[in-house]
Amino acid sequence: MKNAISIGVALVVGVLLAFYDLRTDDTGIEVGLLLIASITLAALAPRRWWLIALCVGLPIPIVEIAVAHASVFPPGGVAALGVAIVGALIGFAIGRASRSSAAA
């Protein structure tokens, strides 16, 4: 159940960040929000870290292509997917470490 909730929240956060990306030029804040979201959600559901990374990071390039009609391929938002993957891997490591230390 915790995995499903984490994935649902990740998808909502990803869509919200995609629309935030369309309305701002503040890349630093957006990268920070991507990292916070992907680290936190992947730490809560470390078995599904890859799906959380996709749900958080993939909506940004999709919205850039669909709404902004990005003519450059790949769109710049692909970097957001990379940031989300790195954050999810960090969250995965934190989640695994906390579970293995609790079991010991």
PDB file of N, CA and C in Angstrom:
ATOM      1  N   MET A   1       0.817  -1.193   0.000  1.00  0.00           N
ATOM      2  CA  MET A   1       0.000   0.000   0.000  1.00  0.00           C
ATOM      3  C   MET A   1       0.862   1.259   0.000  1.00  0.00           C
ATOM      4  N   LYS A   2       1.984   1.205   0.756  1.00  0.00           N
ATOM      5  CA  LYS A   2       2.878   2.350   0.812  1.00  0.00           C
ATOM      6  C   LYS A   2       3.516   2.618  -0.556  1.00  0.00           C
ATOM      7  N   ASN A   3       3.802   1.556  -1.304  1.00  0.00           N
ATOM      8  CA  ASN A   3       4.356   1.736  -2.649  1.00  0.00           C
ATOM      9  C   ASN A   3       3.367   2.449  -3.561  1.00  0.00           C
ATOM     10  N   ALA A   4       2.112   2.050  -3.516  1.00  0.00           N
ATOM     11  CA  ALA A   4       1.094   2.657  -4.377  1.00  0.00           C
ATOM     12  C   ALA A   4       0.888   4.126  -4.038  1.00  0.00           C
ATOM     13  N   ILE A   5       0.875   4.444  -2.758  1.00  0.00           N
ATOM     14  CA  ILE A   5       0.715   5.845  -2.358  1.00  0.00           C
ATOM     15  C   ILE A   5       1.918   6.665  -2.795  1.00  0.00           C
ATOM     16  N   SER A   6       3.116   6.124  -2.620  1.00  0.00           N
ATOM     17  CA  SER A   6       4.328   6.837  -3.026  1.00  0.00           C
ATOM     18  C   SER A   6       4.356   7.088  -4.531  1.00  0.00           C
ATOM     19  N   ILE A   7       3.936   6.108  -5.306  1.00  0.00           N
ATOM     20  CA  ILE A   7       3.922   6.264  -6.759  1.00  0.00           C
ATOM     21  C   ILE A   7       2.865   7.276  -7.179  1.00  0.00           C
ATOM     22  N   GLY A   8       1.700   7.239  -6.551  1.00  0.00           N
ATOM     23  CA  GLY A   8       0.657   8.226  -6.852  1.00  0.00           C
ATOM     24  C   GLY A   8       1.097   9.640  -6.529  1.00  0.00           C
ATOM     25  N   VAL A   9       1.719   9.817  -5.370  1.00  0.00           N
ATOM     26  CA  VAL A   9       2.228  11.140  -4.987  1.00  0.00           C
ATOM     27  C   VAL A   9       3.329  11.577  -5.951  1.00  0.00           C
ATOM     28  N   ALA A  10       4.184  10.636  -6.369  1.00  0.00           N
ATOM     29  CA  ALA A  10       5.252  10.965  -7.317  1.00  0.00           C
ATOM     30  C   ALA A  10       4.680  11.458  -8.640  1.00  0.00           C
ATOM     31  N   LEU A  11       3.627  10.841  -9.101  1.00  0.00           N
ATOM     32  CA  LEU A  11       3.013  11.267 -10.356  1.00  0.00           C
ATOM     33  C   LEU A  11       2.396  12.660 -10.223  1.00  0.00           C
ATOM     34  N   VAL A  12       1.725  12.919  -9.119  1.00  0.00           N
ATOM     35  CA  VAL A  12       1.139  14.241  -8.889  1.00  0.00           C
ATOM     36  C   VAL A  12       2.242  15.294  -8.806  1.00  0.00           C
ATOM     37  N   VAL A  13       3.309  15.002  -8.075  1.00  0.00           N
ATOM     38  CA  VAL A  13       4.430  15.940  -7.948  1.00  0.00           C
ATOM     39  C   VAL A  13       5.068  16.178  -9.310  1.00  0.00           C
ATOM     40  N   GLY A  14       5.232  15.126 -10.108  1.00  0.00           N
ATOM     41  CA  GLY A  14       5.821  15.276 -11.434  1.00  0.00           C
ATOM     42  C   GLY A  14       5.006  16.189 -12.333  1.00  0.00           C
ATOM     43  N   VAL A  15       3.695  16.035 -12.312  1.00  0.00           N
ATOM     44  CA  VAL A  15       2.821  16.888 -13.133  1.00  0.00           C
ATOM     45  C   VAL A  15       2.869  18.334 -12.638  1.00  0.00           C
ATOM     46  N   LEU A  16       2.829  18.525 -11.318  1.00  0.00           N
ATOM     47  CA  LEU A  16       2.917  19.881 -10.775  1.00  0.00           C
ATOM     48  C   LEU A  16       4.248  20.546 -11.127  1.00  0.00           C
ATOM     49  N   LEU A  17       5.332  19.787 -11.057  1.00  0.00           N
ATOM     50  CA  LEU A  17       6.632  20.347 -11.418  1.00  0.00           C
ATOM     51  C   LEU A  17       6.725  20.646 -12.915  1.00  0.00           C
ATOM     52  N   ALA A  18       6.047  19.859 -13.722  1.00  0.00           N
ATOM     53  CA  ALA A  18       6.050  20.121 -15.162  1.00  0.00           C
ATOM     54  C   ALA A  18       5.364  21.445 -15.478  1.00  0.00           C
ATOM     55  N   PHE A  19       4.253  21.718 -14.815  1.00  0.00           N
ATOM     56  CA  PHE A  19       3.579  22.989 -15.051  1.00  0.00           C
ATOM     57  C   PHE A  19       4.325  24.149 -14.403  1.00  0.00           C
ATOM     58  N   TYR A  20       5.030  23.886 -13.301  1.00  0.00           N
ATOM     59  CA  TYR A  20       5.893  24.903 -12.701  1.00  0.00           C
ATOM     60  C   TYR A  20       7.022  25.256 -13.673  1.00  0.00           C
ATOM     61  N   ASP A  21       7.546  24.252 -14.354  1.00  0.00           N
ATOM     62  CA  ASP A  21       8.631  24.467 -15.314  1.00  0.00           C
ATOM     63  C   ASP A  21       8.201  25.381 -16.452  1.00  0.00           C
ATOM     64  N   LEU A  22       6.956  25.289 -16.871  1.00  0.00           N
ATOM     65  CA  LEU A  22       6.471  26.132 -17.959  1.00  0.00           C
ATOM     66  C   LEU A  22       6.341  27.600 -17.545  1.00  0.00           C
ATOM     67  N   ARG A  23       6.168  27.854 -16.274  1.00  0.00           N
ATOM     68  CA  ARG A  23       5.874  29.210 -15.810  1.00  0.00           C
ATOM     69  C   ARG A  23       7.055  29.914 -15.163  1.00  0.00           C
ATOM     70  N   THR A  24       8.211  29.301 -15.086  1.00  0.00           N
ATOM     71  CA  THR A  24       9.342  29.926 -14.412  1.00  0.00           C
ATOM     72  C   THR A  24      10.652  29.635 -15.137  1.00  0.00           C
ATOM     73  N   ASP A  25      11.636  30.452 -14.824  1.00  0.00           N
ATOM     74  CA  ASP A  25      12.993  30.229 -15.326  1.00  0.00           C
ATOM     75  C   ASP A  25      13.951  29.887 -14.207  1.00  0.00           C
ATOM     76  N   ASP A  26      13.442  29.650 -13.012  1.00  0.00           N
ATOM     77  CA  ASP A  26      14.283  29.401 -11.853  1.00  0.00           C
ATOM     78  C   ASP A  26      14.669  27.930 -11.798  1.00  0.00           C
ATOM     79  N   THR A  27      15.731  27.598 -12.491  1.00  0.00           N
ATOM     80  CA  THR A  27      16.161  26.210 -12.611  1.00  0.00           C
ATOM     81  C   THR A  27      16.658  25.645 -11.286  1.00  0.00           C
ATOM     82  N   GLY A  28      17.332  26.462 -10.497  1.00  0.00           N
ATOM     83  CA  GLY A  28      17.874  25.982  -9.226  1.00  0.00           C
ATOM     84  C   GLY A  28      16.798  25.489  -8.276  1.00  0.00           C
ATOM     85  N   ILE A  29      15.720  26.246  -8.167  1.00  0.00           N
ATOM     86  CA  ILE A  29      14.623  25.823  -7.293  1.00  0.00           C
ATOM     87  C   ILE A  29      13.968  24.565  -7.840  1.00  0.00           C
ATOM     88  N   GLU A  30      13.812  24.504  -9.139  1.00  0.00           N
ATOM     89  CA  GLU A  30      13.192  23.322  -9.743  1.00  0.00           C
ATOM     90  C   GLU A  30      14.043  22.073  -9.523  1.00  0.00           C
ATOM     91  N   VAL A  31      15.344  22.187  -9.668  1.00  0.00           N
ATOM     92  CA  VAL A  31      16.232  21.046  -9.424  1.00  0.00           C
ATOM     93  C   VAL A  31      16.147  20.623  -7.962  1.00  0.00           C
ATOM     94  N   GLY A  32      16.107  21.595  -7.062  1.00  0.00           N
ATOM     95  CA  GLY A  32      15.978  21.275  -5.642  1.00  0.00           C
ATOM     96  C   GLY A  32      14.679  20.556  -5.331  1.00  0.00           C
ATOM     97  N   LEU A  33      13.584  21.024  -5.928  1.00  0.00           N
ATOM     98  CA  LEU A  33      12.293  20.362  -5.718  1.00  0.00           C
ATOM     99  C   LEU A  33      12.287  18.949  -6.294  1.00  0.00           C
ATOM    100  N   LEU A  34      12.904  18.773  -7.452  1.00  0.00           N
ATOM    101  CA  LEU A  34      13.006  17.436  -8.039  1.00  0.00           C
ATOM    102  C   LEU A  34      13.782  16.496  -7.118  1.00  0.00           C
ATOM    103  N   LEU A  35      14.912  16.987  -6.593  1.00  0.00           N
ATOM    104  CA  LEU A  35      15.716  16.149  -5.707  1.00  0.00           C
ATOM    105  C   LEU A  35      14.977  15.817  -4.415  1.00  0.00           C
ATOM    106  N   ILE A  36      14.367  16.821  -3.802  1.00  0.00           N
ATOM    107  CA  ILE A  36      13.648  16.579  -2.548  1.00  0.00           C
ATOM    108  C   ILE A  36      12.534  15.552  -2.752  1.00  0.00           C
ATOM    109  N   ALA A  37      11.764  15.725  -3.809  1.00  0.00           N
ATOM    110  CA  ALA A  37      10.647  14.814  -4.063  1.00  0.00           C
ATOM    111  C   ALA A  37      11.129  13.402  -4.355  1.00  0.00           C
ATOM    112  N   SER A  38      12.112  13.265  -5.232  1.00  0.00           N
ATOM    113  CA  SER A  38      12.544  11.914  -5.614  1.00  0.00           C
ATOM    114  C   SER A  38      13.288  11.216  -4.480  1.00  0.00           C
ATOM    115  N   ILE A  39      14.090  11.950  -3.705  1.00  0.00           N
ATOM    116  CA  ILE A  39      14.787  11.326  -2.574  1.00  0.00           C
ATOM    117  C   ILE A  39      13.777  10.857  -1.524  1.00  0.00           C
ATOM    118  N   THR A  40      12.854  11.728  -1.173  1.00  0.00           N
ATOM    119  CA  THR A  40      11.886  11.399  -0.132  1.00  0.00           C
ATOM    120  C   THR A  40      11.004  10.221  -0.528  1.00  0.00           C
ATOM    121  N   LEU A  41      10.458  10.264  -1.733  1.00  0.00           N
ATOM    122  CA  LEU A  41       9.539   9.204  -2.151  1.00  0.00           C
ATOM    123  C   LEU A  41      10.251   7.881  -2.387  1.00  0.00           C
ATOM    124  N   ALA A  42      11.474   7.928  -2.910  1.00  0.00           N
ATOM    125  CA  ALA A  42      12.214   6.674  -3.111  1.00  0.00           C
ATOM    126  C   ALA A  42      12.672   6.086  -1.781  1.00  0.00           C
ATOM    127  N   ALA A  43      12.927   6.926  -0.786  1.00  0.00           N
ATOM    128  CA  ALA A  43      13.286   6.405   0.534  1.00  0.00           C
ATOM    129  C   ALA A  43      12.084   5.706   1.181  1.00  0.00           C
ATOM    130  N   LEU A  44      10.887   6.188   0.875  1.00  0.00           N
ATOM    131  CA  LEU A  44       9.683   5.549   1.415  1.00  0.00           C
ATOM    132  C   LEU A  44       9.349   4.233   0.713  1.00  0.00           C
ATOM    133  N   ALA A  45       9.670   4.148  -0.574  1.00  0.00           N
ATOM    134  CA  ALA A  45       9.382   2.936  -1.352  1.00  0.00           C
ATOM    135  C   ALA A  45      10.613   2.560  -2.185  1.00  0.00           C
ATOM    136  N   PRO A  46      11.677   2.052  -1.529  1.00  0.00           N
ATOM    137  CA  PRO A  46      12.926   1.811  -2.260  1.00  0.00           C
ATOM    138  C   PRO A  46      12.849   0.730  -3.337  1.00  0.00           C
ATOM    139  N   ARG A  47      11.911  -0.189  -3.234  1.00  0.00           N
ATOM    140  CA  ARG A  47      11.806  -1.233  -4.267  1.00  0.00           C
ATOM    141  C   ARG A  47      11.328  -0.678  -5.597  1.00  0.00           C
ATOM    142  N   ARG A  48      10.637   0.434  -5.567  1.00  0.00           N
ATOM    143  CA  ARG A  48      10.094   1.043  -6.781  1.00  0.00           C
ATOM    144  C   ARG A  48      10.785   2.370  -7.103  1.00  0.00           C
ATOM    145  N   TRP A  49      12.072   2.488  -6.794  1.00  0.00           N
ATOM    146  CA  TRP A  49      12.791   3.738  -6.998  1.00  0.00           C
ATOM    147  C   TRP A  49      12.766   4.165  -8.462  1.00  0.00           C
ATOM    148  N   TRP A  50      12.874   3.211  -9.368  1.00  0.00           N
ATOM    149  CA  TRP A  50      12.933   3.528 -10.800  1.00  0.00           C
ATOM    150  C   TRP A  50      11.591   4.084 -11.290  1.00  0.00           C
ATOM    151  N   LEU A  51      10.485   3.554 -10.774  1.00  0.00           N
ATOM    152  CA  LEU A  51       9.173   4.037 -11.161  1.00  0.00           C
ATOM    153  C   LEU A  51       8.906   5.428 -10.571  1.00  0.00           C
ATOM    154  N   ILE A  52       9.377   5.656  -9.373  1.00  0.00           N
ATOM    155  CA  ILE A  52       9.253   6.984  -8.766  1.00  0.00           C
ATOM    156  C   ILE A  52      10.054   8.002  -9.565  1.00  0.00           C
ATOM    157  N   ALA A  53      11.260   7.631  -9.986  1.00  0.00           N
ATOM    158  CA  ALA A  53      12.076   8.542 -10.792  1.00  0.00           C
ATOM    159  C   ALA A  53      11.370   8.902 -12.097  1.00  0.00           C
ATOM    160  N   LEU A  54      10.760   7.923 -12.739  1.00  0.00           N
ATOM    161  CA  LEU A  54      10.033   8.194 -13.980  1.00  0.00           C
ATOM    162  C   LEU A  54       8.807   9.065 -13.740  1.00  0.00           C
ATOM    163  N   CYS A  55       8.074   8.792 -12.669  1.00  0.00           N
ATOM    164  CA  CYS A  55       6.862   9.568 -12.385  1.00  0.00           C
ATOM    165  C   CYS A  55       7.179  11.014 -12.026  1.00  0.00           C
ATOM    166  N   VAL A  56       8.289  11.254 -11.353  1.00  0.00           N
ATOM    167  CA  VAL A  56       8.667  12.615 -10.970  1.00  0.00           C
ATOM    168  C   VAL A  56       9.318  13.352 -12.138  1.00  0.00           C
ATOM    169  N   GLY A  57      10.192  12.699 -12.879  1.00  0.00           N
ATOM    170  CA  GLY A  57      10.984  13.391 -13.881  1.00  0.00           C
ATOM    171  C   GLY A  57      10.450  13.393 -15.299  1.00  0.00           C
ATOM    172  N   LEU A  58       9.679  12.405 -15.679  1.00  0.00           N
ATOM    173  CA  LEU A  58       9.235  12.287 -17.069  1.00  0.00           C
ATOM    174  C   LEU A  58       8.171  13.290 -17.503  1.00  0.00           C
ATOM    175  N   PRO A  59       7.289  13.741 -16.625  1.00  0.00           N
ATOM    176  CA  PRO A  59       6.286  14.712 -17.097  1.00  0.00           C
ATOM    177  C   PRO A  59       6.881  16.025 -17.626  1.00  0.00           C
ATOM    178  N   ILE A  60       8.034  16.425 -17.157  1.00  0.00           N
ATOM    179  CA  ILE A  60       8.619  17.699 -17.603  1.00  0.00           C
ATOM    180  C   ILE A  60       8.956  17.667 -19.092  1.00  0.00           C
ATOM    181  N   PRO A  61       9.722  16.681 -19.594  1.00  0.00           N
ATOM    182  CA  PRO A  61       9.959  16.680 -21.041  1.00  0.00           C
ATOM    183  C   PRO A  61       8.700  16.417 -21.864  1.00  0.00           C
ATOM    184  N   ILE A  62       7.764  15.640 -21.327  1.00  0.00           N
ATOM    185  CA  ILE A  62       6.516  15.387 -22.062  1.00  0.00           C
ATOM    186  C   ILE A  62       5.735  16.676 -22.234  1.00  0.00           C
ATOM    187  N   VAL A  63       5.607  17.450 -21.162  1.00  0.00           N
ATOM    188  CA  VAL A  63       4.872  18.712 -21.243  1.00  0.00           C
ATOM    189  C   VAL A  63       5.611  19.709 -22.122  1.00  0.00           C
ATOM    190  N   GLU A  64       6.938  19.715 -22.073  1.00  0.00           N
ATOM    191  CA  GLU A  64       7.703  20.612 -22.945  1.00  0.00           C
ATOM    192  C   GLU A  64       7.442  20.300 -24.414  1.00  0.00           C
ATOM    193  N   ILE A  65       7.370  19.044 -24.748  1.00  0.00           N
ATOM    194  CA  ILE A  65       7.112  18.661 -26.137  1.00  0.00           C
ATOM    195  C   ILE A  65       5.675  18.986 -26.523  1.00  0.00           C
ATOM    196  N   ALA A  66       4.727  18.662 -25.659  1.00  0.00           N
ATOM    197  CA  ALA A  66       3.311  18.821 -26.001  1.00  0.00           C
ATOM    198  C   ALA A  66       2.843  20.271 -25.966  1.00  0.00           C
ATOM    199  N   VAL A  67       3.176  20.994 -24.913  1.00  0.00           N
ATOM    200  CA  VAL A  67       2.630  22.332 -24.723  1.00  0.00           C
ATOM    201  C   VAL A  67       3.520  23.394 -25.333  1.00  0.00           C
ATOM    202  N   ALA A  68       4.799  23.311 -25.082  1.00  0.00           N
ATOM    203  CA  ALA A  68       5.709  24.353 -25.548  1.00  0.00           C
ATOM    204  C   ALA A  68       6.162  24.116 -26.988  1.00  0.00           C
ATOM    205  N   HIS A  69       5.777  23.003 -27.559  1.00  0.00           N
ATOM    206  CA  HIS A  69       6.156  22.662 -28.932  1.00  0.00           C
ATOM    207  C   HIS A  69       7.663  22.787 -29.135  1.00  0.00           C
ATOM    208  N   ALA A  70       8.389  22.115 -28.273  1.00  0.00           N
ATOM    209  CA  ALA A  70       9.847  22.164 -28.330  1.00  0.00           C
ATOM    210  C   ALA A  70      10.327  21.568 -29.641  1.00  0.00           C
ATOM    211  N   SER A  71      11.087  22.354 -30.371  1.00  0.00           N
ATOM    212  CA  SER A  71      11.589  21.881 -31.659  1.00  0.00           C
ATOM    213  C   SER A  71      12.941  21.197 -31.517  1.00  0.00           C
ATOM    214  N   VAL A  72      13.566  21.332 -30.373  1.00  0.00           N
ATOM    215  CA  VAL A  72      14.856  20.697 -30.130  1.00  0.00           C
ATOM    216  C   VAL A  72      14.599  19.315 -29.555  1.00  0.00           C
ATOM    217  N   PHE A  73      15.242  18.320 -30.127  1.00  0.00           N
ATOM    218  CA  PHE A  73      15.087  16.983 -29.587  1.00  0.00           C
ATOM    219  C   PHE A  73      16.445  16.434 -29.234  1.00  0.00           C
ATOM    220  N   PRO A  74      16.710  15.971 -28.073  1.00  0.00           N
ATOM    221  CA  PRO A  74      15.793  15.869 -26.953  1.00  0.00           C
ATOM    222  C   PRO A  74      15.585  17.222 -26.293  1.00  0.00           C
ATOM    223  N   PRO A  75      14.427  17.433 -25.687  1.00  0.00           N
ATOM    224  CA  PRO A  75      14.163  18.709 -25.029  1.00  0.00           C
ATOM    225  C   PRO A  75      15.039  18.878 -23.791  1.00  0.00           C
ATOM    226  N   GLY A  76      15.188  20.118 -23.367  1.00  0.00           N
ATOM    227  CA  GLY A  76      16.016  20.400 -22.202  1.00  0.00           C
ATOM    228  C   GLY A  76      15.508  19.752 -20.935  1.00  0.00           C
ATOM    229  N   GLY A  77      14.235  19.438 -20.899  1.00  0.00           N
ATOM    230  CA  GLY A  77      13.651  18.809 -19.724  1.00  0.00           C
ATOM    231  C   GLY A  77      14.147  17.403 -19.462  1.00  0.00           C
ATOM    232  N   VAL A  78      14.869  16.826 -20.411  1.00  0.00           N
ATOM    233  CA  VAL A  78      15.419  15.487 -20.194  1.00  0.00           C
ATOM    234  C   VAL A  78      16.415  15.517 -19.036  1.00  0.00           C
ATOM    235  N   ALA A  79      17.054  16.674 -18.823  1.00  0.00           N
ATOM    236  CA  ALA A  79      17.953  16.811 -17.675  1.00  0.00           C
ATOM    237  C   ALA A  79      17.184  16.631 -16.369  1.00  0.00           C
ATOM    238  N   ALA A  80      15.922  17.037 -16.340  1.00  0.00           N
ATOM    239  CA  ALA A  80      15.094  16.850 -15.150  1.00  0.00           C
ATOM    240  C   ALA A  80      14.912  15.367 -14.854  1.00  0.00           C
ATOM    241  N   LEU A  81      14.781  14.566 -15.889  1.00  0.00           N
ATOM    242  CA  LEU A  81      14.670  13.126 -15.692  1.00  0.00           C
ATOM    243  C   LEU A  81      15.959  12.573 -15.082  1.00  0.00           C
ATOM    244  N   GLY A  82      17.092  13.062 -15.548  1.00  0.00           N
ATOM    245  CA  GLY A  82      18.371  12.644 -14.972  1.00  0.00           C
ATOM    246  C   GLY A  82      18.499  13.018 -13.508  1.00  0.00           C
ATOM    247  N   VAL A  83      18.064  14.231 -13.167  1.00  0.00           N
ATOM    248  CA  VAL A  83      18.096  14.672 -11.769  1.00  0.00           C
ATOM    249  C   VAL A  83      17.179  13.807 -10.923  1.00  0.00           C
ATOM    250  N   ALA A  84      16.003  13.482 -11.434  1.00  0.00           N
ATOM    251  CA  ALA A  84      15.064  12.636 -10.687  1.00  0.00           C
ATOM    252  C   ALA A  84      15.624  11.230 -10.490  1.00  0.00           C
ATOM    253  N   ILE A  85      16.328  10.705 -11.481  1.00  0.00           N
ATOM    254  CA  ILE A  85      16.930   9.371 -11.344  1.00  0.00           C
ATOM    255  C   ILE A  85      18.021   9.378 -10.284  1.00  0.00           C
ATOM    256  N   VAL A  86      18.868  10.407 -10.300  1.00  0.00           N
ATOM    257  CA  VAL A  86      19.920  10.511  -9.287  1.00  0.00           C
ATOM    258  C   VAL A  86      19.307  10.640  -7.897  1.00  0.00           C
ATOM    259  N   GLY A  87      18.288  11.479  -7.764  1.00  0.00           N
ATOM    260  CA  GLY A  87      17.622  11.630  -6.476  1.00  0.00           C
ATOM    261  C   GLY A  87      16.980  10.340  -6.005  1.00  0.00           C
ATOM    262  N   ALA A  88      16.352   9.617  -6.918  1.00  0.00           N
ATOM    263  CA  ALA A  88      15.712   8.349  -6.547  1.00  0.00           C
ATOM    264  C   ALA A  88      16.753   7.305  -6.135  1.00  0.00           C
ATOM    265  N   LEU A  89      17.902   7.320  -6.771  1.00  0.00           N
ATOM    266  CA  LEU A  89      18.966   6.395  -6.356  1.00  0.00           C
ATOM    267  C   LEU A  89      19.487   6.731  -4.962  1.00  0.00           C
ATOM    268  N   ILE A  90      19.595   8.015  -4.667  1.00  0.00           N
ATOM    269  CA  ILE A  90      20.001   8.423  -3.322  1.00  0.00           C
ATOM    270  C   ILE A  90      18.936   7.995  -2.310  1.00  0.00           C
ATOM    271  N   GLY A  91      17.674   8.218  -2.647  1.00  0.00           N
ATOM    272  CA  GLY A  91      16.591   7.792  -1.773  1.00  0.00           C
ATOM    273  C   GLY A  91      16.557   6.285  -1.589  1.00  0.00           C
ATOM    274  N   PHE A  92      16.839   5.549  -2.671  1.00  0.00           N
ATOM    275  CA  PHE A  92      16.914   4.090  -2.592  1.00  0.00           C
ATOM    276  C   PHE A  92      17.984   3.675  -1.595  1.00  0.00           C
ATOM    277  N   ALA A  93      19.156   4.294  -1.673  1.00  0.00           N
ATOM    278  CA  ALA A  93      20.252   3.958  -0.758  1.00  0.00           C
ATOM    279  C   ALA A  93      19.880   4.285   0.685  1.00  0.00           C
ATOM    280  N   ILE A  94      19.237   5.428   0.894  1.00  0.00           N
ATOM    281  CA  ILE A  94      18.811   5.807   2.243  1.00  0.00           C
ATOM    282  C   ILE A  94      17.762   4.831   2.761  1.00  0.00           C
ATOM    283  N   GLY A  95      16.787   4.478   1.925  1.00  0.00           N
ATOM    284  CA  GLY A  95      15.747   3.539   2.336  1.00  0.00           C
ATOM    285  C   GLY A  95      16.296   2.172   2.659  1.00  0.00           C
ATOM    286  N   ARG A  96      17.219   1.687   1.856  1.00  0.00           N
ATOM    287  CA  ARG A  96      17.816   0.369   2.104  1.00  0.00           C
ATOM    288  C   ARG A  96      18.669   0.395   3.367  1.00  0.00           C
ATOM    289  N   ALA A  97      19.438   1.467   3.535  1.00  0.00           N
ATOM    290  CA  ALA A  97      20.298   1.555   4.708  1.00  0.00           C
ATOM    291  C   ALA A  97      19.476   1.637   5.989  1.00  0.00           C
ATOM    292  N   SER A  98      18.393   2.375   5.956  1.00  0.00           N
ATOM    293  CA  SER A  98      17.571   2.498   7.168  1.00  0.00           C
ATOM    294  C   SER A  98      16.854   1.187   7.487  1.00  0.00           C
ATOM    295  N   ARG A  99      16.468   0.434   6.476  1.00  0.00           N
ATOM    296  CA  ARG A  99      15.803  -0.840   6.719  1.00  0.00           C
ATOM    297  C   ARG A  99      16.786  -1.898   7.213  1.00  0.00           C
ATOM    298  N   SER A 100      18.001  -1.910   6.663  1.00  0.00           N
ATOM    299  CA  SER A 100      18.964  -2.916   7.083  1.00  0.00           C
ATOM    300  C   SER A 100      19.516  -2.595   8.490  1.00  0.00           C
ATOM    301  N   SER A 101      19.622  -1.319   8.829  1.00  0.00           N
ATOM    302  CA  SER A 101      20.093  -0.982  10.181  1.00  0.00           C
ATOM    303  C   SER A 101      18.998  -1.240  11.222  1.00  0.00           C
ATOM    304  N   ALA A 102      17.742  -1.105  10.833  1.00  0.00           N
ATOM    305  CA  ALA A 102      16.638  -1.387  11.757  1.00  0.00           C
ATOM    306  C   ALA A 102      16.513  -2.886  12.011  1.00  0.00           C
ATOM    307  N   ALA A 103      16.869  -3.688  11.012  1.00  0.00           N
ATOM    308  CA  ALA A 103      16.763  -5.143  11.153  1.00  0.00           C
ATOM    309  C   ALA A 103      17.906  -5.712  11.999  1.00  0.00           C
ATOM    310  N   ALA A 104      19.016  -4.986  12.054  1.00  0.00           N
ATOM    311  CA  ALA A 104      20.200  -5.495  12.802  1.00  0.00           C
ATOM    312  C   ALA A 104      20.117  -5.291  14.271  1.00  0.00           C
TER     313      ALA A 104
END
